[in-house]
Amino acid sequence: MRDSNNNDRESHKVRKIEKEKWLLLGLVAMVIGAIVLGAMAHSEGQVARGALEQIQRSLSDAVEQL
């Protein structure tokens, strides 16, 4: 009887460890996703800033020609 209880406890511990591994893997995946998303947003921001600077230069040139 005690062996059966010991096996149940060990099985429960193994399942708990497996669950924690999956939760940790999910957390790591979310962190990686957040980093990738942040890098993409930063890149898009740089492109937008470059476009705005180009528009400003074009407008300044147009005003100077008037």
PDB file of N, CA and C in Angstrom:
ATOM      1  N   MET A   1       0.823  -1.206   0.000  1.00  0.00           N
ATOM      2  CA  MET A   1       0.000   0.000   0.000  1.00  0.00           C
ATOM      3  C   MET A   1       0.863   1.264   0.000  1.00  0.00           C
ATOM      4  N   ARG A   2       1.930   1.224   0.808  1.00  0.00           N
ATOM      5  CA  ARG A   2       2.810   2.389   0.863  1.00  0.00           C
ATOM      6  C   ARG A   2       3.514   2.611  -0.466  1.00  0.00           C
ATOM      7  N   ASP A   3       3.868   1.532  -1.146  1.00  0.00           N
ATOM      8  CA  ASP A   3       4.509   1.674  -2.455  1.00  0.00           C
ATOM      9  C   ASP A   3       3.576   2.350  -3.439  1.00  0.00           C
ATOM     10  N   SER A   4       2.302   2.019  -3.369  1.00  0.00           N
ATOM     11  CA  SER A   4       1.319   2.621  -4.267  1.00  0.00           C
ATOM     12  C   SER A   4       1.208   4.124  -4.001  1.00  0.00           C
ATOM     13  N   ASN A   5       1.175   4.498  -2.728  1.00  0.00           N
ATOM     14  CA  ASN A   5       1.105   5.917  -2.370  1.00  0.00           C
ATOM     15  C   ASN A   5       2.373   6.654  -2.805  1.00  0.00           C
ATOM     16  N   ASN A   6       3.519   6.008  -2.635  1.00  0.00           N
ATOM     17  CA  ASN A   6       4.779   6.613  -3.069  1.00  0.00           C
ATOM     18  C   ASN A   6       4.785   6.828  -4.570  1.00  0.00           C
ATOM     19  N   ASN A   7       4.304   5.851  -5.318  1.00  0.00           N
ATOM     20  CA  ASN A   7       4.246   5.971  -6.777  1.00  0.00           C
ATOM     21  C   ASN A   7       3.312   7.096  -7.189  1.00  0.00           C
ATOM     22  N   ASP A   8       2.183   7.216  -6.488  1.00  0.00           N
ATOM     23  CA  ASP A   8       1.239   8.296  -6.793  1.00  0.00           C
ATOM     24  C   ASP A   8       1.879   9.663  -6.541  1.00  0.00           C
ATOM     25  N   ARG A   9       2.610   9.775  -5.430  1.00  0.00           N
ATOM     26  CA  ARG A   9       3.273  11.043  -5.116  1.00  0.00           C
ATOM     27  C   ARG A   9       4.336  11.377  -6.162  1.00  0.00           C
ATOM     28  N   GLU A  10       5.122  10.376  -6.511  1.00  0.00           N
ATOM     29  CA  GLU A  10       6.160  10.587  -7.528  1.00  0.00           C
ATOM     30  C   GLU A  10       5.534  10.978  -8.858  1.00  0.00           C
ATOM     31  N   SER A  11       4.448  10.312  -9.214  1.00  0.00           N
ATOM     32  CA  SER A  11       3.762  10.614 -10.471  1.00  0.00           C
ATOM     33  C   SER A  11       3.224  12.044 -10.445  1.00  0.00           C
ATOM     34  N   HIS A  12       2.674  12.447  -9.308  1.00  0.00           N
ATOM     35  CA  HIS A  12       2.151  13.811  -9.165  1.00  0.00           C
ATOM     36  C   HIS A  12       3.281  14.832  -9.290  1.00  0.00           C
ATOM     37  N   LYS A  13       4.440  14.543  -8.674  1.00  0.00           N
ATOM     38  CA  LYS A  13       5.584  15.452  -8.765  1.00  0.00           C
ATOM     39  C   LYS A  13       6.061  15.583 -10.203  1.00  0.00           C
ATOM     40  N   VAL A  14       6.112  14.458 -10.908  1.00  0.00           N
ATOM     41  CA  VAL A  14       6.561  14.482 -12.302  1.00  0.00           C
ATOM     42  C   VAL A  14       5.597  15.300 -13.144  1.00  0.00           C
ATOM     43  N   ARG A  15       4.289  15.108 -12.929  1.00  0.00           N
ATOM     44  CA  ARG A  15       3.302  15.884 -13.684  1.00  0.00           C
ATOM     45  C   ARG A  15       3.424  17.370 -13.376  1.00  0.00           C
ATOM     46  N   LYS A  16       3.676  17.698 -12.107  1.00  0.00           N
ATOM     47  CA  LYS A  16       3.818  19.101 -11.717  1.00  0.00           C
ATOM     48  C   LYS A  16       5.052  19.710 -12.380  1.00  0.00           C
ATOM     49  N   ILE A  17       6.146  18.956 -12.418  1.00  0.00           N
ATOM     50  CA  ILE A  17       7.363  19.447 -13.063  1.00  0.00           C
ATOM     51  C   ILE A  17       7.118  19.637 -14.553  1.00  0.00           C
ATOM     52  N   GLU A  18       6.436  18.692 -15.183  1.00  0.00           N
ATOM     53  CA  GLU A  18       6.128  18.825 -16.610  1.00  0.00           C
ATOM     54  C   GLU A  18       5.276  20.071 -16.860  1.00  0.00           C
ATOM     55  N   LYS A  19       4.292  20.307 -16.000  1.00  0.00           N
ATOM     56  CA  LYS A  19       3.439  21.486 -16.151  1.00  0.00           C
ATOM     57  C   LYS A  19       4.269  22.754 -16.015  1.00  0.00           C
ATOM     58  N   GLU A  20       5.174  22.780 -15.045  1.00  0.00           N
ATOM     59  CA  GLU A  20       6.025  23.951 -14.850  1.00  0.00           C
ATOM     60  C   GLU A  20       6.952  24.169 -16.039  1.00  0.00           C
ATOM     61  N   LYS A  21       7.435  23.082 -16.635  1.00  0.00           N
ATOM     62  CA  LYS A  21       8.284  23.210 -17.830  1.00  0.00           C
ATOM     63  C   LYS A  21       7.502  23.839 -18.973  1.00  0.00           C
ATOM     64  N   TRP A  22       6.261  23.417 -19.160  1.00  0.00           N
ATOM     65  CA  TRP A  22       5.439  23.982 -20.237  1.00  0.00           C
ATOM     66  C   TRP A  22       5.119  25.447 -19.974  1.00  0.00           C
ATOM     67  N   LEU A  23       4.850  25.775 -18.709  1.00  0.00           N
ATOM     68  CA  LEU A  23       4.590  27.175 -18.367  1.00  0.00           C
ATOM     69  C   LEU A  23       5.827  28.040 -18.612  1.00  0.00           C
ATOM     70  N   LEU A  24       6.990  27.520 -18.252  1.00  0.00           N
ATOM     71  CA  LEU A  24       8.234  28.249 -18.486  1.00  0.00           C
ATOM     72  C   LEU A  24       8.486  28.419 -19.980  1.00  0.00           C
ATOM     73  N   LEU A  25       8.233  27.377 -20.748  1.00  0.00           N
ATOM     74  CA  LEU A  25       8.394  27.462 -22.197  1.00  0.00           C
ATOM     75  C   LEU A  25       7.451  28.515 -22.782  1.00  0.00           C
ATOM     76  N   GLY A  26       6.216  28.543 -22.297  1.00  0.00           N
ATOM     77  CA  GLY A  26       5.260  29.556 -22.749  1.00  0.00           C
ATOM     78  C   GLY A  26       5.718  30.962 -22.397  1.00  0.00           C
ATOM     79  N   LEU A  27       6.250  31.125 -21.205  1.00  0.00           N
ATOM     80  CA  LEU A  27       6.756  32.431 -20.775  1.00  0.00           C
ATOM     81  C   LEU A  27       7.929  32.876 -21.648  1.00  0.00           C
ATOM     82  N   VAL A  28       8.836  31.956 -21.924  1.00  0.00           N
ATOM     83  CA  VAL A  28       9.983  32.274 -22.785  1.00  0.00           C
ATOM     84  C   VAL A  28       9.500  32.670 -24.176  1.00  0.00           C
ATOM     85  N   ALA A  29       8.519  31.940 -24.701  1.00  0.00           N
ATOM     86  CA  ALA A  29       7.978  32.262 -26.031  1.00  0.00           C
ATOM     87  C   ALA A  29       7.351  33.653 -26.035  1.00  0.00           C
ATOM     88  N   MET A  30       6.643  34.006 -24.966  1.00  0.00           N
ATOM     89  CA  MET A  30       6.024  35.329 -24.889  1.00  0.00           C
ATOM     90  C   MET A  30       7.085  36.430 -24.817  1.00  0.00           C
ATOM     91  N   VAL A  31       8.148  36.204 -24.075  1.00  0.00           N
ATOM     92  CA  VAL A  31       9.221  37.196 -23.969  1.00  0.00           C
ATOM     93  C   VAL A  31       9.897  37.386 -25.323  1.00  0.00           C
ATOM     94  N   ILE A  32      10.178  36.282 -26.008  1.00  0.00           N
ATOM     95  CA  ILE A  32      10.795  36.378 -27.334  1.00  0.00           C
ATOM     96  C   ILE A  32       9.870  37.120 -28.289  1.00  0.00           C
ATOM     97  N   GLY A  33       8.575  36.816 -28.238  1.00  0.00           N
ATOM     98  CA  GLY A  33       7.608  37.513 -29.084  1.00  0.00           C
ATOM     99  C   GLY A  33       7.575  39.006 -28.796  1.00  0.00           C
ATOM    100  N   ALA A  34       7.647  39.365 -27.528  1.00  0.00           N
ATOM    101  CA  ALA A  34       7.640  40.787 -27.159  1.00  0.00           C
ATOM    102  C   ALA A  34       8.896  41.491 -27.668  1.00  0.00           C
ATOM    103  N   ILE A  35      10.027  40.817 -27.598  1.00  0.00           N
ATOM    104  CA  ILE A  35      11.274  41.412 -28.091  1.00  0.00           C
ATOM    105  C   ILE A  35      11.205  41.612 -29.598  1.00  0.00           C
ATOM    106  N   VAL A  36      10.707  40.606 -30.308  1.00  0.00           N
ATOM    107  CA  VAL A  36      10.588  40.713 -31.770  1.00  0.00           C
ATOM    108  C   VAL A  36       9.625  41.837 -32.134  1.00  0.00           C
ATOM    109  N   LEU A  37       8.495  41.898 -31.449  1.00  0.00           N
ATOM    110  CA  LEU A  37       7.516  42.950 -31.721  1.00  0.00           C
ATOM    111  C   LEU A  37       8.109  44.335 -31.445  1.00  0.00           C
ATOM    112  N   GLY A  38       8.849  44.458 -30.364  1.00  0.00           N
ATOM    113  CA  GLY A  38       9.497  45.727 -30.046  1.00  0.00           C
ATOM    114  C   GLY A  38      10.507  46.135 -31.106  1.00  0.00           C
ATOM    115  N   ALA A  39      11.271  45.166 -31.593  1.00  0.00           N
ATOM    116  CA  ALA A  39      12.255  45.465 -32.645  1.00  0.00           C
ATOM    117  C   ALA A  39      11.557  45.904 -33.925  1.00  0.00           C
ATOM    118  N   MET A  40      10.461  45.240 -34.260  1.00  0.00           N
ATOM    119  CA  MET A  40       9.719  45.615 -35.468  1.00  0.00           C
ATOM    120  C   MET A  40       9.118  47.011 -35.323  1.00  0.00           C
ATOM    121  N   ALA A  41       8.569  47.316 -34.160  1.00  0.00           N
ATOM    122  CA  ALA A  41       7.983  48.641 -33.931  1.00  0.00           C
ATOM    123  C   ALA A  41       9.068  49.718 -34.002  1.00  0.00           C
ATOM    124  N   HIS A  42      10.229  49.423 -33.455  1.00  0.00           N
ATOM    125  CA  HIS A  42      11.337  50.384 -33.510  1.00  0.00           C
ATOM    126  C   HIS A  42      11.751  50.638 -34.957  1.00  0.00           C
ATOM    127  N   SER A  43      11.834  49.570 -35.720  1.00  0.00           N
ATOM    128  CA  SER A  43      12.213  49.701 -37.133  1.00  0.00           C
ATOM    129  C   SER A  43      11.191  50.531 -37.901  1.00  0.00           C
ATOM    130  N   GLU A  44       9.916  50.271 -37.666  1.00  0.00           N
ATOM    131  CA  GLU A  44       8.860  51.041 -38.335  1.00  0.00           C
ATOM    132  C   GLU A  44       8.917  52.506 -37.926  1.00  0.00           C
ATOM    133  N   GLY A  45       9.236  52.764 -36.671  1.00  0.00           N
ATOM    134  CA  GLY A  45       9.368  54.142 -36.199  1.00  0.00           C
ATOM    135  C   GLY A  45      10.494  54.873 -36.903  1.00  0.00           C
ATOM    136  N   GLN A  46      11.598  54.176 -37.118  1.00  0.00           N
ATOM    137  CA  GLN A  46      12.718  54.795 -37.829  1.00  0.00           C
ATOM    138  C   GLN A  46      12.343  55.106 -39.274  1.00  0.00           C
ATOM    139  N   VAL A  47      11.621  54.195 -39.913  1.00  0.00           N
ATOM    140  CA  VAL A  47      11.190  54.426 -41.295  1.00  0.00           C
ATOM    141  C   VAL A  47      10.256  55.633 -41.351  1.00  0.00           C
ATOM    142  N   ALA A  48       9.323  55.710 -40.413  1.00  0.00           N
ATOM    143  CA  ALA A  48       8.380  56.834 -40.384  1.00  0.00           C
ATOM    144  C   ALA A  48       9.114  58.148 -40.137  1.00  0.00           C
ATOM    145  N   ARG A  49      10.080  58.125 -39.239  1.00  0.00           N
ATOM    146  CA  ARG A  49      10.846  59.344 -38.964  1.00  0.00           C
ATOM    147  C   ARG A  49      11.613  59.794 -40.208  1.00  0.00           C
ATOM    148  N   GLY A  50      12.197  58.851 -40.916  1.00  0.00           N
ATOM    149  CA  GLY A  50      12.911  59.177 -42.153  1.00  0.00           C
ATOM    150  C   GLY A  50      11.982  59.764 -43.201  1.00  0.00           C
ATOM    151  N   ALA A  51      10.785  59.200 -43.309  1.00  0.00           N
ATOM    152  CA  ALA A  51       9.811  59.715 -44.278  1.00  0.00           C
ATOM    153  C   ALA A  51       9.381  61.133 -43.913  1.00  0.00           C
ATOM    154  N   LEU A  52       9.158  61.385 -42.633  1.00  0.00           N
ATOM    155  CA  LEU A  52       8.771  62.736 -42.206  1.00  0.00           C
ATOM    156  C   LEU A  52       9.880  63.750 -42.471  1.00  0.00           C
ATOM    157  N   GLU A  53      11.120  63.347 -42.253  1.00  0.00           N
ATOM    158  CA  GLU A  53      12.235  64.260 -42.534  1.00  0.00           C
ATOM    159  C   GLU A  53      12.312  64.562 -44.028  1.00  0.00           C
ATOM    160  N   GLN A  54      12.072  63.562 -44.851  1.00  0.00           N
ATOM    161  CA  GLN A  54      12.088  63.769 -46.304  1.00  0.00           C
ATOM    162  C   GLN A  54      10.952  64.704 -46.733  1.00  0.00           C
ATOM    163  N   ILE A  55       9.783  64.531 -46.141  1.00  0.00           N
ATOM    164  CA  ILE A  55       8.650  65.414 -46.452  1.00  0.00           C
ATOM    165  C   ILE A  55       8.982  66.847 -46.041  1.00  0.00           C
ATOM    166  N   GLN A  56       9.575  66.993 -44.858  1.00  0.00           N
ATOM    167  CA  GLN A  56       9.936  68.331 -44.380  1.00  0.00           C
ATOM    168  C   GLN A  56      10.943  68.992 -45.325  1.00  0.00           C
ATOM    169  N   ARG A  57      11.933  68.229 -45.774  1.00  0.00           N
ATOM    170  CA  ARG A  57      12.910  68.789 -46.716  1.00  0.00           C
ATOM    171  C   ARG A  57      12.239  69.196 -48.023  1.00  0.00           C
ATOM    172  N   SER A  58      11.334  68.359 -48.506  1.00  0.00           N
ATOM    173  CA  SER A  58      10.628  68.678 -49.760  1.00  0.00           C
ATOM    174  C   SER A  58       9.805  69.948 -49.616  1.00  0.00           C
ATOM    175  N   LEU A  59       9.106  70.084 -48.492  1.00  0.00           N
ATOM    176  CA  LEU A  59       8.305  71.285 -48.256  1.00  0.00           C
ATOM    177  C   LEU A  59       9.188  72.520 -48.115  1.00  0.00           C
ATOM    178  N   SER A  60      10.308  72.373 -47.424  1.00  0.00           N
ATOM    179  CA  SER A  60      11.230  73.508 -47.274  1.00  0.00           C
ATOM    180  C   SER A  60      11.771  73.937 -48.630  1.00  0.00           C
ATOM    181  N   ASP A  61      12.128  72.972 -49.457  1.00  0.00           N
ATOM    182  CA  ASP A  61      12.613  73.291 -50.809  1.00  0.00           C
ATOM    183  C   ASP A  61      11.534  73.989 -51.631  1.00  0.00           C
ATOM    184  N   ALA A  62      10.295  73.526 -51.511  1.00  0.00           N
ATOM    185  CA  ALA A  62       9.194  74.132 -52.265  1.00  0.00           C
ATOM    186  C   ALA A  62       8.955  75.567 -51.811  1.00  0.00           C
ATOM    187  N   VAL A  63       9.035  75.812 -50.504  1.00  0.00           N
ATOM    188  CA  VAL A  63       8.833  77.162 -49.978  1.00  0.00           C
ATOM    189  C   VAL A  63       9.962  78.081 -50.444  1.00  0.00           C
ATOM    190  N   GLU A  64      11.188  77.591 -50.471  1.00  0.00           N
ATOM    191  CA  GLU A  64      12.321  78.409 -50.912  1.00  0.00           C
ATOM    192  C   GLU A  64      12.195  78.788 -52.383  1.00  0.00           C
ATOM    193  N   GLN A  65      11.581  77.944 -53.174  1.00  0.00           N
ATOM    194  CA  GLN A  65      11.436  78.220 -54.603  1.00  0.00           C
ATOM    195  C   GLN A  65      10.349  79.254 -54.882  1.00  0.00           C
ATOM    196  N   LEU A  66       9.498  79.489 -53.913  1.00  0.00           N
ATOM    197  CA  LEU A  66       8.439  80.485 -54.113  1.00  0.00           C
ATOM    198  C   LEU A  66       9.020  81.825 -54.063  1.00  0.00           C
TER     199      LEU A  66
END
